């Protein structure tokens, strides 16, 4: 599943995100959701979240587990 719909995401879920600094290369970072930052129900580039690992912020590219 992609991370474009806020309703599919839950706190603690394992996801792959792309950090702002990695947008050009598309390098993903894996971690668990600490906070969901995007308020709208969906976003074409992925919902922005903060990970528990290092408080990294990026847009969800793929949901690993539900």
N, C-alpha and C. Protein backbone atom coordinates (compact mmCIF):
# COMPACT_ATOMS: atom_id res chain seq x y z
N UNK A 1 0.83 -1.20 0.00
CA UNK A 1 0.00 0.00 0.00
C UNK A 1 0.87 1.25 0.00
N UNK A 2 0.42 2.24 -0.72
CA UNK A 2 1.13 3.52 -0.71
C UNK A 2 0.63 4.36 0.47
N UNK A 3 1.29 5.45 0.74
CA UNK A 3 0.96 6.27 1.91
C UNK A 3 0.25 7.55 1.56
N UNK A 4 -0.66 7.51 0.60
CA UNK A 4 -1.32 8.74 0.15
C UNK A 4 -2.63 9.03 0.86
N UNK A 5 -3.16 8.05 1.61
CA UNK A 5 -4.41 8.25 2.34
C UNK A 5 -4.16 8.19 3.84
N UNK A 6 -4.54 9.26 4.53
CA UNK A 6 -4.30 9.38 5.97
C UNK A 6 -5.02 8.28 6.76
N UNK A 7 -6.19 7.86 6.26
CA UNK A 7 -6.99 6.87 6.98
C UNK A 7 -6.30 5.50 7.07
N UNK A 8 -5.33 5.23 6.21
CA UNK A 8 -4.61 3.94 6.22
C UNK A 8 -3.48 3.92 7.24
N UNK A 9 -3.12 5.08 7.78
CA UNK A 9 -1.96 5.16 8.67
C UNK A 9 -2.39 5.17 10.13
N UNK A 10 -1.56 4.53 10.97
CA UNK A 10 -1.79 4.48 12.41
C UNK A 10 -0.46 4.70 13.13
N UNK A 11 -0.54 5.25 14.32
CA UNK A 11 0.65 5.43 15.15
C UNK A 11 1.26 4.05 15.44
N UNK A 12 2.58 3.95 15.33
CA UNK A 12 3.28 2.70 15.61
C UNK A 12 3.46 1.81 14.40
N UNK A 13 2.85 2.15 13.28
CA UNK A 13 2.93 1.35 12.06
C UNK A 13 4.31 1.47 11.42
N UNK A 14 4.79 0.38 10.83
CA UNK A 14 6.08 0.36 10.14
C UNK A 14 5.89 0.83 8.70
N UNK A 15 6.65 1.86 8.30
CA UNK A 15 6.51 2.45 6.97
C UNK A 15 7.87 2.80 6.39
N UNK A 16 7.90 2.98 5.08
CA UNK A 16 9.06 3.54 4.39
C UNK A 16 8.72 4.98 4.04
N UNK A 17 9.63 5.92 4.37
CA UNK A 17 9.42 7.33 4.04
C UNK A 17 10.60 7.84 3.22
N UNK A 18 10.38 8.96 2.55
CA UNK A 18 11.47 9.66 1.87
C UNK A 18 11.66 10.98 2.61
N UNK A 19 12.87 11.18 3.14
CA UNK A 19 13.21 12.42 3.83
C UNK A 19 13.37 13.54 2.80
N UNK A 20 13.21 14.78 3.24
CA UNK A 20 13.35 15.94 2.36
C UNK A 20 14.70 15.93 1.64
N UNK A 21 15.77 15.63 2.37
CA UNK A 21 17.11 15.63 1.78
C UNK A 21 17.31 14.52 0.76
N UNK A 22 16.44 13.49 0.79
CA UNK A 22 16.57 12.35 -0.12
C UNK A 22 15.56 12.36 -1.26
N UNK A 23 14.82 13.46 -1.42
CA UNK A 23 13.78 13.50 -2.45
C UNK A 23 14.34 13.34 -3.86
N UNK A 24 15.51 13.89 -4.12
CA UNK A 24 16.10 13.79 -5.47
C UNK A 24 16.50 12.35 -5.79
N UNK A 25 17.07 11.65 -4.82
CA UNK A 25 17.53 10.28 -5.06
C UNK A 25 16.43 9.25 -4.84
N UNK A 26 15.44 9.59 -4.03
CA UNK A 26 14.35 8.65 -3.74
C UNK A 26 14.72 7.60 -2.70
N UNK A 27 15.84 7.81 -2.00
CA UNK A 27 16.26 6.88 -0.96
C UNK A 27 15.24 6.85 0.17
N UNK A 28 14.82 5.65 0.55
CA UNK A 28 13.79 5.55 1.60
C UNK A 28 14.42 5.21 2.95
N UNK A 29 13.70 5.58 3.98
CA UNK A 29 14.09 5.33 5.36
C UNK A 29 12.94 4.57 6.02
N UNK A 30 13.25 3.48 6.72
CA UNK A 30 12.21 2.67 7.36
C UNK A 30 12.12 3.01 8.84
N UNK A 31 10.90 3.06 9.35
CA UNK A 31 10.70 3.32 10.78
C UNK A 31 9.23 3.25 11.15
N UNK A 32 8.98 3.47 12.44
CA UNK A 32 7.62 3.43 12.97
C UNK A 32 7.07 4.84 13.14
N UNK A 33 5.80 5.00 12.85
CA UNK A 33 5.16 6.32 12.91
C UNK A 33 5.01 6.76 14.36
N UNK A 34 5.52 7.96 14.65
CA UNK A 34 5.36 8.58 15.96
C UNK A 34 4.20 9.58 15.92
N UNK A 35 4.16 10.40 14.85
CA UNK A 35 3.11 11.41 14.67
C UNK A 35 2.75 11.51 13.20
N UNK A 36 1.48 11.75 12.92
CA UNK A 36 1.03 12.02 11.56
C UNK A 36 0.89 13.53 11.45
N UNK A 37 1.66 14.14 10.54
CA UNK A 37 1.75 15.60 10.47
C UNK A 37 0.79 16.22 9.45
N UNK A 38 0.44 15.50 8.39
CA UNK A 38 -0.47 16.03 7.37
C UNK A 38 -1.90 15.98 7.90
N UNK A 39 -2.61 17.10 7.81
CA UNK A 39 -3.99 17.17 8.31
C UNK A 39 -5.03 16.75 7.28
N UNK A 40 -4.73 16.93 5.98
CA UNK A 40 -5.71 16.60 4.95
C UNK A 40 -5.88 15.07 4.83
N UNK A 41 -7.03 14.60 4.35
CA UNK A 41 -7.28 13.16 4.26
C UNK A 41 -6.39 12.42 3.26
N UNK A 42 -5.87 13.14 2.25
CA UNK A 42 -4.94 12.51 1.31
C UNK A 42 -3.99 13.56 0.75
N UNK A 43 -2.88 13.07 0.19
CA UNK A 43 -1.87 13.95 -0.39
C UNK A 43 -1.21 13.21 -1.54
N UNK A 44 -1.05 13.84 -2.72
CA UNK A 44 -0.50 13.14 -3.89
C UNK A 44 0.95 12.68 -3.75
N UNK A 45 1.73 13.31 -2.89
CA UNK A 45 3.14 12.94 -2.71
C UNK A 45 3.35 12.05 -1.49
N UNK A 46 2.29 11.75 -0.75
CA UNK A 46 2.39 10.93 0.46
C UNK A 46 2.13 11.76 1.70
N UNK A 47 1.59 11.12 2.72
CA UNK A 47 1.28 11.78 3.99
C UNK A 47 2.58 12.00 4.75
N UNK A 48 2.76 13.20 5.30
CA UNK A 48 3.97 13.52 6.04
C UNK A 48 3.84 13.01 7.47
N UNK A 49 4.87 12.28 7.93
CA UNK A 49 4.87 11.70 9.27
C UNK A 49 6.22 11.94 9.94
N UNK A 50 6.24 11.77 11.26
CA UNK A 50 7.48 11.79 12.04
C UNK A 50 7.69 10.37 12.56
N UNK A 51 8.91 9.88 12.44
CA UNK A 51 9.25 8.54 12.91
C UNK A 51 9.76 8.57 14.34
N UNK A 52 9.59 7.45 15.05
CA UNK A 52 10.10 7.35 16.42
C UNK A 52 11.62 7.28 16.42
N UNK A 53 12.20 6.73 15.36
CA UNK A 53 13.65 6.60 15.25
C UNK A 53 14.27 7.93 14.84
N UNK A 54 14.79 8.66 15.78
CA UNK A 54 15.50 9.89 15.49
C UNK A 54 14.63 11.08 15.14
N UNK A 55 13.33 10.98 15.35
CA UNK A 55 12.39 12.07 15.02
C UNK A 55 12.56 12.57 13.59
N UNK A 56 12.77 11.64 12.65
CA UNK A 56 12.92 12.00 11.25
C UNK A 56 11.55 12.26 10.63
N UNK A 57 11.48 13.26 9.74
CA UNK A 57 10.22 13.64 9.11
C UNK A 57 10.33 13.42 7.61
N UNK A 58 9.30 12.81 7.05
CA UNK A 58 9.26 12.60 5.61
C UNK A 58 7.89 12.14 5.17
N UNK A 59 7.74 11.91 3.87
CA UNK A 59 6.47 11.49 3.30
C UNK A 59 6.45 9.98 3.09
N UNK A 60 5.34 9.35 3.48
CA UNK A 60 5.19 7.90 3.40
C UNK A 60 5.13 7.46 1.93
N UNK A 61 5.99 6.51 1.59
CA UNK A 61 6.00 5.94 0.25
C UNK A 61 5.33 4.57 0.24
N UNK A 62 5.51 3.82 1.34
CA UNK A 62 4.94 2.48 1.39
C UNK A 62 4.66 2.08 2.83
N UNK A 63 3.54 1.40 3.03
CA UNK A 63 3.19 0.86 4.35
C UNK A 63 3.68 -0.58 4.39
N UNK A 64 4.47 -0.92 5.40
CA UNK A 64 5.08 -2.25 5.50
C UNK A 64 4.15 -3.23 6.22
N UNK A 65 3.51 -2.79 7.29
CA UNK A 65 2.60 -3.64 8.03
C UNK A 65 1.38 -2.85 8.45
N UNK A 66 0.28 -3.56 8.67
CA UNK A 66 -0.96 -2.87 9.08
C UNK A 66 -1.28 -3.13 10.52
